[in-house]
Amino acid sequence: MKIQVSELEHGIRLIVLNGKLDSGGVYAVEMDFLHHCAGERRNILVDMSNVSYVSSIGVPMLVNAARIVTGKGAKMALLNPQKNVMDVLEMVGVTGIIPVYFDLTAARRAF
């Protein structure tokens, strides 16, 4: 699992995840991921288009990050999860907590 972070306009931080959100992937990026979510008040957009798998250990990382972000009065959203990843996110109820977008323009407007 790899992570890339960039800043978009209007205070949006884009976090791109690449790889599998399994135990090894979460171990590799969780501290860095949460650090980028817990800093100054910023809206967070997590690009999941290159995440090929999410396990039960990957879900709490996303939910905890969303709680941190919304606790600061900001928003978090997921962008472009693959179908198998989206199926898992829907099945465990993440989509009821974190909005999901399949279009970057729509995601930016949501903030």
PDB file of N, CA and C in Angstrom:
ATOM      1  N   MET A   1       0.854  -1.172   0.000  1.00  0.00           N
ATOM      2  CA  MET A   1       0.000   0.000   0.000  1.00  0.00           C
ATOM      3  C   MET A   1       0.894   1.228   0.000  1.00  0.00           C
ATOM      4  N   LYS A   2       0.555   2.174  -0.853  1.00  0.00           N
ATOM      5  CA  LYS A   2       1.265   3.449  -0.923  1.00  0.00           C
ATOM      6  C   LYS A   2       0.256   4.578  -0.797  1.00  0.00           C
ATOM      7  N   ILE A   3       0.753   5.738  -0.393  1.00  0.00           N
ATOM      8  CA  ILE A   3      -0.093   6.911  -0.204  1.00  0.00           C
ATOM      9  C   ILE A   3       0.585   8.115  -0.850  1.00  0.00           C
ATOM     10  N   GLN A   4      -0.212   8.924  -1.538  1.00  0.00           N
ATOM     11  CA  GLN A   4       0.258  10.194  -2.106  1.00  0.00           C
ATOM     12  C   GLN A   4      -0.711  11.269  -1.654  1.00  0.00           C
ATOM     13  N   VAL A   5      -0.182  12.428  -1.319  1.00  0.00           N
ATOM     14  CA  VAL A   5      -1.014  13.522  -0.823  1.00  0.00           C
ATOM     15  C   VAL A   5      -0.735  14.769  -1.639  1.00  0.00           C
ATOM     16  N   SER A   6      -1.801  15.453  -2.033  1.00  0.00           N
ATOM     17  CA  SER A   6      -1.661  16.741  -2.715  1.00  0.00           C
ATOM     18  C   SER A   6      -2.789  17.656  -2.261  1.00  0.00           C
ATOM     19  N   GLU A   7      -2.602  18.915  -2.496  1.00  0.00           N
ATOM     20  CA  GLU A   7      -3.595  19.914  -2.112  1.00  0.00           C
ATOM     21  C   GLU A   7      -4.318  20.399  -3.367  1.00  0.00           C
ATOM     22  N   LEU A   8      -5.633  20.376  -3.322  1.00  0.00           N
ATOM     23  CA  LEU A   8      -6.451  20.914  -4.401  1.00  0.00           C
ATOM     24  C   LEU A   8      -6.937  22.293  -3.981  1.00  0.00           C
ATOM     25  N   GLU A   9      -7.680  22.940  -4.848  1.00  0.00           N
ATOM     26  CA  GLU A   9      -8.212  24.265  -4.531  1.00  0.00           C
ATOM     27  C   GLU A   9      -9.273  24.180  -3.437  1.00  0.00           C
ATOM     28  N   HIS A  10      -9.553  25.309  -2.839  1.00  0.00           N
ATOM     29  CA  HIS A  10     -10.615  25.464  -1.836  1.00  0.00           C
ATOM     30  C   HIS A  10     -10.409  24.599  -0.586  1.00  0.00           C
ATOM     31  N   GLY A  11      -9.158  24.392  -0.204  1.00  0.00           N
ATOM     32  CA  GLY A  11      -8.886  23.676   1.037  1.00  0.00           C
ATOM     33  C   GLY A  11      -9.173  22.193   1.009  1.00  0.00           C
ATOM     34  N   ILE A  12      -9.113  21.587  -0.157  1.00  0.00           N
ATOM     35  CA  ILE A  12      -9.347  20.147  -0.277  1.00  0.00           C
ATOM     36  C   ILE A  12      -8.000  19.433  -0.342  1.00  0.00           C
ATOM     37  N   ARG A  13      -7.825  18.459   0.532  1.00  0.00           N
ATOM     38  CA  ARG A  13      -6.626  17.621   0.498  1.00  0.00           C
ATOM     39  C   ARG A  13      -6.996  16.310  -0.189  1.00  0.00           C
ATOM     40  N   LEU A  14      -6.251  15.975  -1.240  1.00  0.00           N
ATOM     41  CA  LEU A  14      -6.459  14.727  -1.976  1.00  0.00           C
ATOM     42  C   LEU A  14      -5.451  13.697  -1.478  1.00  0.00           C
ATOM     43  N   ILE A  15      -5.964  12.583  -0.994  1.00  0.00           N
ATOM     44  CA  ILE A  15      -5.120  11.474  -0.550  1.00  0.00           C
ATOM     45  C   ILE A  15      -5.383  10.303  -1.484  1.00  0.00           C
ATOM     46  N   VAL A  16      -4.351   9.895  -2.207  1.00  0.00           N
ATOM     47  CA  VAL A  16      -4.469   8.795  -3.162  1.00  0.00           C
ATOM     48  C   VAL A  16      -3.882   7.541  -2.519  1.00  0.00           C
ATOM     49  N   LEU A  17      -4.699   6.505  -2.437  1.00  0.00           N
ATOM     50  CA  LEU A  17      -4.257   5.216  -1.907  1.00  0.00           C
ATOM     51  C   LEU A  17      -4.037   4.254  -3.065  1.00  0.00           C
ATOM     52  N   ASN A  18      -2.950   3.491  -3.005  1.00  0.00           N
ATOM     53  CA  ASN A  18      -2.617   2.513  -4.041  1.00  0.00           C
ATOM     54  C   ASN A  18      -2.270   1.185  -3.387  1.00  0.00           C
ATOM     55  N   GLY A  19      -2.994   0.132  -3.744  1.00  0.00           N
ATOM     56  CA  GLY A  19      -2.683  -1.189  -3.221  1.00  0.00           C
ATOM     57  C   GLY A  19      -3.867  -1.830  -2.535  1.00  0.00           C
ATOM     58  N   LYS A  20      -3.577  -2.658  -1.550  1.00  0.00           N
ATOM     59  CA  LYS A  20      -4.610  -3.387  -0.815  1.00  0.00           C
ATOM     60  C   LYS A  20      -4.727  -2.840   0.600  1.00  0.00           C
ATOM     61  N   LEU A  21      -5.962  -2.602   1.035  1.00  0.00           N
ATOM     62  CA  LEU A  21      -6.215  -2.199   2.418  1.00  0.00           C
ATOM     63  C   LEU A  21      -6.485  -3.456   3.244  1.00  0.00           C
ATOM     64  N   ASP A  22      -5.452  -4.287   3.328  1.00  0.00           N
ATOM     65  CA  ASP A  22      -5.497  -5.464   4.185  1.00  0.00           C
ATOM     66  C   ASP A  22      -4.604  -5.177   5.386  1.00  0.00           C
ATOM     67  N   SER A  23      -4.277  -6.175   6.191  1.00  0.00           N
ATOM     68  CA  SER A  23      -3.492  -5.906   7.400  1.00  0.00           C
ATOM     69  C   SER A  23      -2.132  -5.300   7.070  1.00  0.00           C
ATOM     70  N   GLY A  24      -1.459  -5.797   6.055  1.00  0.00           N
ATOM     71  CA  GLY A  24      -0.164  -5.238   5.667  1.00  0.00           C
ATOM     72  C   GLY A  24      -0.280  -3.830   5.123  1.00  0.00           C
ATOM     73  N   GLY A  25      -1.303  -3.588   4.315  1.00  0.00           N
ATOM     74  CA  GLY A  25      -1.505  -2.259   3.744  1.00  0.00           C
ATOM     75  C   GLY A  25      -1.853  -1.228   4.789  1.00  0.00           C
ATOM     76  N   VAL A  26      -2.739  -1.595   5.703  1.00  0.00           N
ATOM     77  CA  VAL A  26      -3.116  -0.673   6.780  1.00  0.00           C
ATOM     78  C   VAL A  26      -1.904  -0.381   7.653  1.00  0.00           C
ATOM     79  N   TYR A  27      -1.143  -1.412   7.988  1.00  0.00           N
ATOM     80  CA  TYR A  27       0.058  -1.227   8.796  1.00  0.00           C
ATOM     81  C   TYR A  27       1.025  -0.256   8.114  1.00  0.00           C
ATOM     82  N   ALA A  28       1.124  -0.342   6.791  1.00  0.00           N
ATOM     83  CA  ALA A  28       2.068   0.492   6.046  1.00  0.00           C
ATOM     84  C   ALA A  28       1.667   1.962   5.987  1.00  0.00           C
ATOM     85  N   VAL A  29       0.369   2.264   5.962  1.00  0.00           N
ATOM     86  CA  VAL A  29      -0.043   3.657   5.711  1.00  0.00           C
ATOM     87  C   VAL A  29      -0.907   4.302   6.785  1.00  0.00           C
ATOM     88  N   GLU A  30      -1.414   3.546   7.749  1.00  0.00           N
ATOM     89  CA  GLU A  30      -2.412   4.106   8.664  1.00  0.00           C
ATOM     90  C   GLU A  30      -1.927   5.346   9.407  1.00  0.00           C
ATOM     91  N   MET A  31      -0.749   5.319   9.965  1.00  0.00           N
ATOM     92  CA  MET A  31      -0.260   6.471  10.730  1.00  0.00           C
ATOM     93  C   MET A  31      -0.139   7.706   9.836  1.00  0.00           C
ATOM     94  N   ASP A  32       0.424   7.534   8.653  1.00  0.00           N
ATOM     95  CA  ASP A  32       0.573   8.646   7.714  1.00  0.00           C
ATOM     96  C   ASP A  32      -0.795   9.146   7.256  1.00  0.00           C
ATOM     97  N   PHE A  33      -1.691   8.215   6.940  1.00  0.00           N
ATOM     98  CA  PHE A  33      -3.038   8.564   6.488  1.00  0.00           C
ATOM     99  C   PHE A  33      -3.775   9.376   7.550  1.00  0.00           C
ATOM    100  N   LEU A  34      -3.779   8.881   8.782  1.00  0.00           N
ATOM    101  CA  LEU A  34      -4.477   9.589   9.859  1.00  0.00           C
ATOM    102  C   LEU A  34      -3.814  10.925  10.172  1.00  0.00           C
ATOM    103  N   HIS A  35      -2.493  10.993  10.043  1.00  0.00           N
ATOM    104  CA  HIS A  35      -1.783  12.262  10.241  1.00  0.00           C
ATOM    105  C   HIS A  35      -2.282  13.319   9.254  1.00  0.00           C
ATOM    106  N   HIS A  36      -2.449  12.936   7.996  1.00  0.00           N
ATOM    107  CA  HIS A  36      -2.917  13.888   6.979  1.00  0.00           C
ATOM    108  C   HIS A  36      -4.382  14.267   7.184  1.00  0.00           C
ATOM    109  N   CYS A  37      -5.137  13.422   7.845  1.00  0.00           N
ATOM    110  CA  CYS A  37      -6.538  13.730   8.143  1.00  0.00           C
ATOM    111  C   CYS A  37      -6.678  14.559   9.416  1.00  0.00           C
ATOM    112  N   ALA A  38      -5.741  14.410  10.336  1.00  0.00           N
ATOM    113  CA  ALA A  38      -5.868  15.019  11.660  1.00  0.00           C
ATOM    114  C   ALA A  38      -5.213  16.390  11.776  1.00  0.00           C
ATOM    115  N   GLY A  39      -4.551  16.845  10.752  1.00  0.00           N
ATOM    116  CA  GLY A  39      -3.882  18.142  10.824  1.00  0.00           C
ATOM    117  C   GLY A  39      -4.878  19.282  10.866  1.00  0.00           C
ATOM    118  N   GLU A  40      -4.539  20.358  10.209  1.00  0.00           N
ATOM    119  CA  GLU A  40      -5.436  21.513  10.185  1.00  0.00           C
ATOM    120  C   GLU A  40      -6.770  21.132   9.539  1.00  0.00           C
ATOM    121  N   ARG A  41      -7.770  21.947   9.794  1.00  0.00           N
ATOM    122  CA  ARG A  41      -9.115  21.670   9.268  1.00  0.00           C
ATOM    123  C   ARG A  41      -9.091  21.726   7.744  1.00  0.00           C
ATOM    124  N   ARG A  42      -9.243  20.590   7.130  1.00  0.00           N
ATOM    125  CA  ARG A  42      -9.290  20.481   5.672  1.00  0.00           C
ATOM    126  C   ARG A  42     -10.318  19.435   5.288  1.00  0.00           C
ATOM    127  N   ASN A  43     -10.986  19.677   4.166  1.00  0.00           N
ATOM    128  CA  ASN A  43     -11.834  18.642   3.585  1.00  0.00           C
ATOM    129  C   ASN A  43     -10.912  17.606   2.952  1.00  0.00           C
ATOM    130  N   ILE A  44     -11.251  16.341   3.113  1.00  0.00           N
ATOM    131  CA  ILE A  44     -10.400  15.243   2.653  1.00  0.00           C
ATOM    132  C   ILE A  44     -11.132  14.445   1.584  1.00  0.00           C
ATOM    133  N   LEU A  45     -10.470  14.273   0.447  1.00  0.00           N
ATOM    134  CA  LEU A  45     -10.976  13.435  -0.633  1.00  0.00           C
ATOM    135  C   LEU A  45      -9.997  12.276  -0.795  1.00  0.00           C
ATOM    136  N   VAL A  46     -10.490  11.059  -0.608  1.00  0.00           N
ATOM    137  CA  VAL A  46      -9.642   9.870  -0.675  1.00  0.00           C
ATOM    138  C   VAL A  46      -9.898   9.161  -1.997  1.00  0.00           C
ATOM    139  N   ASP A  47      -8.900   9.205  -2.886  1.00  0.00           N
ATOM    140  CA  ASP A  47      -9.001   8.537  -4.183  1.00  0.00           C
ATOM    141  C   ASP A  47      -8.698   7.053  -3.978  1.00  0.00           C
ATOM    142  N   MET A  48      -9.708   6.224  -4.208  1.00  0.00           N
ATOM    143  CA  MET A  48      -9.581   4.785  -3.991  1.00  0.00           C
ATOM    144  C   MET A  48      -9.557   4.003  -5.299  1.00  0.00           C
ATOM    145  N   SER A  49      -9.343   4.691  -6.416  1.00  0.00           N
ATOM    146  CA  SER A  49      -9.408   4.021  -7.714  1.00  0.00           C
ATOM    147  C   SER A  49      -8.338   2.945  -7.887  1.00  0.00           C
ATOM    148  N   ASN A  50      -7.233   3.054  -7.150  1.00  0.00           N
ATOM    149  CA  ASN A  50      -6.169   2.054  -7.243  1.00  0.00           C
ATOM    150  C   ASN A  50      -6.109   1.142  -6.028  1.00  0.00           C
ATOM    151  N   VAL A  51      -7.186   1.104  -5.257  1.00  0.00           N
ATOM    152  CA  VAL A  51      -7.282   0.165  -4.135  1.00  0.00           C
ATOM    153  C   VAL A  51      -8.013  -1.071  -4.659  1.00  0.00           C
ATOM    154  N   SER A  52      -7.304  -2.186  -4.687  1.00  0.00           N
ATOM    155  CA  SER A  52      -7.870  -3.395  -5.292  1.00  0.00           C
ATOM    156  C   SER A  52      -8.610  -4.284  -4.301  1.00  0.00           C
ATOM    157  N   TYR A  53      -8.455  -4.008  -2.997  1.00  0.00           N
ATOM    158  CA  TYR A  53      -9.052  -4.887  -1.992  1.00  0.00           C
ATOM    159  C   TYR A  53      -9.168  -4.130  -0.676  1.00  0.00           C
ATOM    160  N   VAL A  54     -10.273  -4.340   0.037  1.00  0.00           N
ATOM    161  CA  VAL A  54     -10.446  -3.792   1.383  1.00  0.00           C
ATOM    162  C   VAL A  54     -10.873  -4.933   2.296  1.00  0.00           C
ATOM    163  N   SER A  55     -10.106  -5.151   3.356  1.00  0.00           N
ATOM    164  CA  SER A  55     -10.456  -6.185   4.334  1.00  0.00           C
ATOM    165  C   SER A  55     -11.145  -5.543   5.530  1.00  0.00           C
ATOM    166  N   SER A  56     -11.528  -6.379   6.472  1.00  0.00           N
ATOM    167  CA  SER A  56     -12.204  -5.872   7.667  1.00  0.00           C
ATOM    168  C   SER A  56     -11.302  -4.971   8.498  1.00  0.00           C
ATOM    169  N   ILE A  57     -10.009  -5.058   8.329  1.00  0.00           N
ATOM    170  CA  ILE A  57      -9.098  -4.175   9.057  1.00  0.00           C
ATOM    171  C   ILE A  57      -8.939  -2.825   8.345  1.00  0.00           C
ATOM    172  N   GLY A  58      -9.234  -2.779   7.058  1.00  0.00           N
ATOM    173  CA  GLY A  58      -9.136  -1.525   6.311  1.00  0.00           C
ATOM    174  C   GLY A  58     -10.311  -0.597   6.554  1.00  0.00           C
ATOM    175  N   VAL A  59     -11.473  -1.169   6.816  1.00  0.00           N
ATOM    176  CA  VAL A  59     -12.685  -0.373   7.033  1.00  0.00           C
ATOM    177  C   VAL A  59     -12.545   0.571   8.226  1.00  0.00           C
ATOM    178  N   PRO A  60     -12.080   0.108   9.387  1.00  0.00           N
ATOM    179  CA  PRO A  60     -11.957   1.029  10.524  1.00  0.00           C
ATOM    180  C   PRO A  60     -10.999   2.191  10.272  1.00  0.00           C
ATOM    181  N   MET A  61      -9.973   1.972   9.465  1.00  0.00           N
ATOM    182  CA  MET A  61      -9.061   3.070   9.155  1.00  0.00           C
ATOM    183  C   MET A  61      -9.815   4.207   8.474  1.00  0.00           C
ATOM    184  N   LEU A  62     -10.679   3.869   7.531  1.00  0.00           N
ATOM    185  CA  LEU A  62     -11.454   4.886   6.817  1.00  0.00           C
ATOM    186  C   LEU A  62     -12.466   5.555   7.744  1.00  0.00           C
ATOM    187  N   VAL A  63     -13.157   4.761   8.537  1.00  0.00           N
ATOM    188  CA  VAL A  63     -14.180   5.305   9.441  1.00  0.00           C
ATOM    189  C   VAL A  63     -13.543   6.189  10.510  1.00  0.00           C
ATOM    190  N   ASN A  64     -12.421   5.761  11.075  1.00  0.00           N
ATOM    191  CA  ASN A  64     -11.733   6.584  12.074  1.00  0.00           C
ATOM    192  C   ASN A  64     -11.278   7.908  11.483  1.00  0.00           C
ATOM    193  N   ALA A  65     -10.778   7.870  10.258  1.00  0.00           N
ATOM    194  CA  ALA A  65     -10.364   9.104   9.594  1.00  0.00           C
ATOM    195  C   ALA A  65     -11.557  10.031   9.399  1.00  0.00           C
ATOM    196  N   ALA A  66     -12.690   9.477   8.989  1.00  0.00           N
ATOM    197  CA  ALA A  66     -13.890  10.300   8.789  1.00  0.00           C
ATOM    198  C   ALA A  66     -14.332  10.945  10.096  1.00  0.00           C
ATOM    199  N   ARG A  67     -14.247  10.211  11.187  1.00  0.00           N
ATOM    200  CA  ARG A  67     -14.618  10.778  12.493  1.00  0.00           C
ATOM    201  C   ARG A  67     -13.687  11.925  12.881  1.00  0.00           C
ATOM    202  N   ILE A  68     -12.407  11.757  12.618  1.00  0.00           N
ATOM    203  CA  ILE A  68     -11.435  12.816  12.913  1.00  0.00           C
ATOM    204  C   ILE A  68     -11.756  14.059  12.094  1.00  0.00           C
ATOM    205  N   VAL A  69     -11.969  13.871  10.799  1.00  0.00           N
ATOM    206  CA  VAL A  69     -12.214  14.996   9.889  1.00  0.00           C
ATOM    207  C   VAL A  69     -13.514  15.709  10.243  1.00  0.00           C
ATOM    208  N   THR A  70     -14.590  14.968  10.420  1.00  0.00           N
ATOM    209  CA  THR A  70     -15.876  15.606  10.719  1.00  0.00           C
ATOM    210  C   THR A  70     -15.881  16.213  12.115  1.00  0.00           C
ATOM    211  N   GLY A  71     -15.088  15.654  13.010  1.00  0.00           N
ATOM    212  CA  GLY A  71     -14.967  16.228  14.347  1.00  0.00           C
ATOM    213  C   GLY A  71     -14.344  17.611  14.343  1.00  0.00           C
ATOM    214  N   LYS A  72     -13.608  17.926  13.282  1.00  0.00           N
ATOM    215  CA  LYS A  72     -13.009  19.255  13.133  1.00  0.00           C
ATOM    216  C   LYS A  72     -13.915  20.188  12.335  1.00  0.00           C
ATOM    217  N   GLY A  73     -15.092  19.702  11.950  1.00  0.00           N
ATOM    218  CA  GLY A  73     -16.010  20.521  11.175  1.00  0.00           C
ATOM    219  C   GLY A  73     -15.744  20.503   9.684  1.00  0.00           C
ATOM    220  N   ALA A  74     -14.948  19.542   9.228  1.00  0.00           N
ATOM    221  CA  ALA A  74     -14.662  19.408   7.801  1.00  0.00           C
ATOM    222  C   ALA A  74     -15.411  18.182   7.265  1.00  0.00           C
ATOM    223  N   LYS A  75     -15.205  17.878   5.991  1.00  0.00           N
ATOM    224  CA  LYS A  75     -15.880  16.747   5.354  1.00  0.00           C
ATOM    225  C   LYS A  75     -14.852  15.798   4.758  1.00  0.00           C
ATOM    226  N   MET A  76     -15.260  14.541   4.616  1.00  0.00           N
ATOM    227  CA  MET A  76     -14.433  13.533   3.958  1.00  0.00           C
ATOM    228  C   MET A  76     -15.301  12.776   2.973  1.00  0.00           C
ATOM    229  N   ALA A  77     -14.724  12.438   1.823  1.00  0.00           N
ATOM    230  CA  ALA A  77     -15.433  11.658   0.815  1.00  0.00           C
ATOM    231  C   ALA A  77     -14.459  10.693   0.151  1.00  0.00           C
ATOM    232  N   LEU A  78     -15.010   9.643  -0.425  1.00  0.00           N
ATOM    233  CA  LEU A  78     -14.233   8.664  -1.170  1.00  0.00           C
ATOM    234  C   LEU A  78     -14.487   8.868  -2.654  1.00  0.00           C
ATOM    235  N   LEU A  79     -13.461   8.621  -3.460  1.00  0.00           N
ATOM    236  CA  LEU A  79     -13.556   8.833  -4.899  1.00  0.00           C
ATOM    237  C   LEU A  79     -13.201   7.553  -5.646  1.00  0.00           C
ATOM    238  N   ASN A  80     -14.056   7.159  -6.559  1.00  0.00           N
ATOM    239  CA  ASN A  80     -13.814   6.097  -7.537  1.00  0.00           C
ATOM    240  C   ASN A  80     -13.388   4.737  -6.991  1.00  0.00           C
ATOM    241  N   PRO A  81     -14.051   4.195  -5.985  1.00  0.00           N
ATOM    242  CA  PRO A  81     -13.667   2.840  -5.573  1.00  0.00           C
ATOM    243  C   PRO A  81     -14.025   1.829  -6.662  1.00  0.00           C
ATOM    244  N   GLN A  82     -13.190   0.810  -6.813  1.00  0.00           N
ATOM    245  CA  GLN A  82     -13.478  -0.265  -7.750  1.00  0.00           C
ATOM    246  C   GLN A  82     -14.730  -1.008  -7.285  1.00  0.00           C
ATOM    247  N   LYS A  83     -15.370  -1.728  -8.202  1.00  0.00           N
ATOM    248  CA  LYS A  83     -16.644  -2.373  -7.881  1.00  0.00           C
ATOM    249  C   LYS A  83     -16.538  -3.305  -6.676  1.00  0.00           C
ATOM    250  N   ASN A  84     -15.517  -4.140  -6.636  1.00  0.00           N
ATOM    251  CA  ASN A  84     -15.396  -5.077  -5.512  1.00  0.00           C
ATOM    252  C   ASN A  84     -15.174  -4.336  -4.193  1.00  0.00           C
ATOM    253  N   VAL A  85     -14.456  -3.231  -4.229  1.00  0.00           N
ATOM    254  CA  VAL A  85     -14.237  -2.413  -3.033  1.00  0.00           C
ATOM    255  C   VAL A  85     -15.544  -1.727  -2.637  1.00  0.00           C
ATOM    256  N   MET A  86     -16.259  -1.191  -3.619  1.00  0.00           N
ATOM    257  CA  MET A  86     -17.536  -0.531  -3.348  1.00  0.00           C
ATOM    258  C   MET A  86     -18.529  -1.513  -2.731  1.00  0.00           C
ATOM    259  N   ASP A  87     -18.534  -2.742  -3.225  1.00  0.00           N
ATOM    260  CA  ASP A  87     -19.430  -3.764  -2.665  1.00  0.00           C
ATOM    261  C   ASP A  87     -19.166  -3.970  -1.173  1.00  0.00           C
ATOM    262  N   VAL A  88     -17.897  -4.030  -0.796  1.00  0.00           N
ATOM    263  CA  VAL A  88     -17.538  -4.200   0.619  1.00  0.00           C
ATOM    264  C   VAL A  88     -17.963  -2.974   1.417  1.00  0.00           C
ATOM    265  N   LEU A  89     -17.671  -1.781   0.902  1.00  0.00           N
ATOM    266  CA  LEU A  89     -18.022  -0.543   1.606  1.00  0.00           C
ATOM    267  C   LEU A  89     -19.528  -0.445   1.837  1.00  0.00           C
ATOM    268  N   GLU A  90     -20.315  -0.841   0.840  1.00  0.00           N
ATOM    269  CA  GLU A  90     -21.773  -0.831   0.990  1.00  0.00           C
ATOM    270  C   GLU A  90     -22.227  -1.884   1.996  1.00  0.00           C
ATOM    271  N   MET A  91     -21.659  -3.073   1.908  1.00  0.00           N
ATOM    272  CA  MET A  91     -22.074  -4.183   2.761  1.00  0.00           C
ATOM    273  C   MET A  91     -21.860  -3.877   4.246  1.00  0.00           C
ATOM    274  N   VAL A  92     -20.775  -3.190   4.575  1.00  0.00           N
ATOM    275  CA  VAL A  92     -20.479  -2.920   5.990  1.00  0.00           C
ATOM    276  C   VAL A  92     -20.974  -1.550   6.446  1.00  0.00           C
ATOM    277  N   GLY A  93     -21.632  -0.812   5.555  1.00  0.00           N
ATOM    278  CA  GLY A  93     -22.257   0.446   5.946  1.00  0.00           C
ATOM    279  C   GLY A  93     -21.390   1.688   5.885  1.00  0.00           C
ATOM    280  N   VAL A  94     -20.211   1.578   5.298  1.00  0.00           N
ATOM    281  CA  VAL A  94     -19.328   2.750   5.205  1.00  0.00           C
ATOM    282  C   VAL A  94     -19.960   3.850   4.367  1.00  0.00           C
ATOM    283  N   THR A  95     -20.698   3.473   3.338  1.00  0.00           N
ATOM    284  CA  THR A  95     -21.287   4.481   2.449  1.00  0.00           C
ATOM    285  C   THR A  95     -22.360   5.308   3.143  1.00  0.00           C
ATOM    286  N   GLY A  96     -22.854   4.841   4.277  1.00  0.00           N
ATOM    287  CA  GLY A  96     -23.781   5.633   5.076  1.00  0.00           C
ATOM    288  C   GLY A  96     -23.068   6.639   5.960  1.00  0.00           C
ATOM    289  N   ILE A  97     -21.761   6.482   6.099  1.00  0.00           N
ATOM    290  CA  ILE A  97     -20.950   7.361   6.935  1.00  0.00           C
ATOM    291  C   ILE A  97     -20.111   8.315   6.092  1.00  0.00           C
ATOM    292  N   ILE A  98     -19.544   7.782   5.007  1.00  0.00           N
ATOM    293  CA  ILE A  98     -18.650   8.553   4.138  1.00  0.00           C
ATOM    294  C   ILE A  98     -19.247   8.579   2.735  1.00  0.00           C
ATOM    295  N   PRO A  99     -19.532   9.768   2.196  1.00  0.00           N
ATOM    296  CA  PRO A  99     -20.063   9.836   0.831  1.00  0.00           C
ATOM    297  C   PRO A  99     -19.057   9.303  -0.190  1.00  0.00           C
ATOM    298  N   VAL A 100     -19.580   8.718  -1.257  1.00  0.00           N
ATOM    299  CA  VAL A 100     -18.755   8.167  -2.326  1.00  0.00           C
ATOM    300  C   VAL A 100     -19.125   8.859  -3.631  1.00  0.00           C
ATOM    301  N   TYR A 101     -18.118   9.265  -4.385  1.00  0.00           N
ATOM    302  CA  TYR A 101     -18.321   9.919  -5.679  1.00  0.00           C
ATOM    303  C   TYR A 101     -17.523   9.183  -6.738  1.00  0.00           C
ATOM    304  N   PHE A 102     -18.051   9.213  -7.961  1.00  0.00           N
ATOM    305  CA  PHE A 102     -17.369   8.576  -9.078  1.00  0.00           C
ATOM    306  C   PHE A 102     -16.928   9.602 -10.112  1.00  0.00           C
ATOM    307  N   ASP A 103     -16.986  10.869  -9.717  1.00  0.00           N
ATOM    308  CA  ASP A 103     -16.608  11.963 -10.603  1.00  0.00           C
ATOM    309  C   ASP A 103     -15.894  13.020  -9.762  1.00  0.00           C
ATOM    310  N   LEU A 104     -14.692  13.394 -10.169  1.00  0.00           N
ATOM    311  CA  LEU A 104     -13.899  14.353  -9.401  1.00  0.00           C
ATOM    312  C   LEU A 104     -14.593  15.700  -9.289  1.00  0.00           C
ATOM    313  N   THR A 105     -15.225  16.146 -10.350  1.00  0.00           N
ATOM    314  CA  THR A 105     -15.915  17.439 -10.320  1.00  0.00           C
ATOM    315  C   THR A 105     -17.054  17.419  -9.307  1.00  0.00           C
ATOM    316  N   ALA A 106     -17.841  16.357  -9.311  1.00  0.00           N
ATOM    317  CA  ALA A 106     -18.945  16.244  -8.346  1.00  0.00           C
ATOM    318  C   ALA A 106     -18.413  16.175  -6.920  1.00  0.00           C
ATOM    319  N   ALA A 107     -17.322  15.461  -6.725  1.00  0.00           N
ATOM    320  CA  ALA A 107     -16.733  15.364  -5.386  1.00  0.00           C
ATOM    321  C   ALA A 107     -16.256  16.732  -4.910  1.00  0.00           C
ATOM    322  N   ARG A 108     -15.617  17.483  -5.771  1.00  0.00           N
ATOM    323  CA  ARG A 108     -15.145  18.829  -5.394  1.00  0.00           C
ATOM    324  C   ARG A 108     -16.314  19.732  -5.028  1.00  0.00           C
ATOM    325  N   ARG A 109     -17.396  19.644  -5.792  1.00  0.00           N
ATOM    326  CA  ARG A 109     -18.574  20.480  -5.515  1.00  0.00           C
ATOM    327  C   ARG A 109     -19.225  20.132  -4.186  1.00  0.00           C
ATOM    328  N   ALA A 110     -19.095  18.882  -3.766  1.00  0.00           N
ATOM    329  CA  ALA A 110     -19.717  18.439  -2.516  1.00  0.00           C
ATOM    330  C   ALA A 110     -19.091  19.103  -1.293  1.00  0.00           C
ATOM    331  N   PHE A 111     -17.891  19.613  -1.465  1.00  0.00           N
ATOM    332  CA  PHE A 111     -17.225  20.287  -0.357  1.00  0.00           C
ATOM    333  C   PHE A 111     -17.580  21.752  -0.357  1.00  0.00           C
TER     334      PHE A 111
END
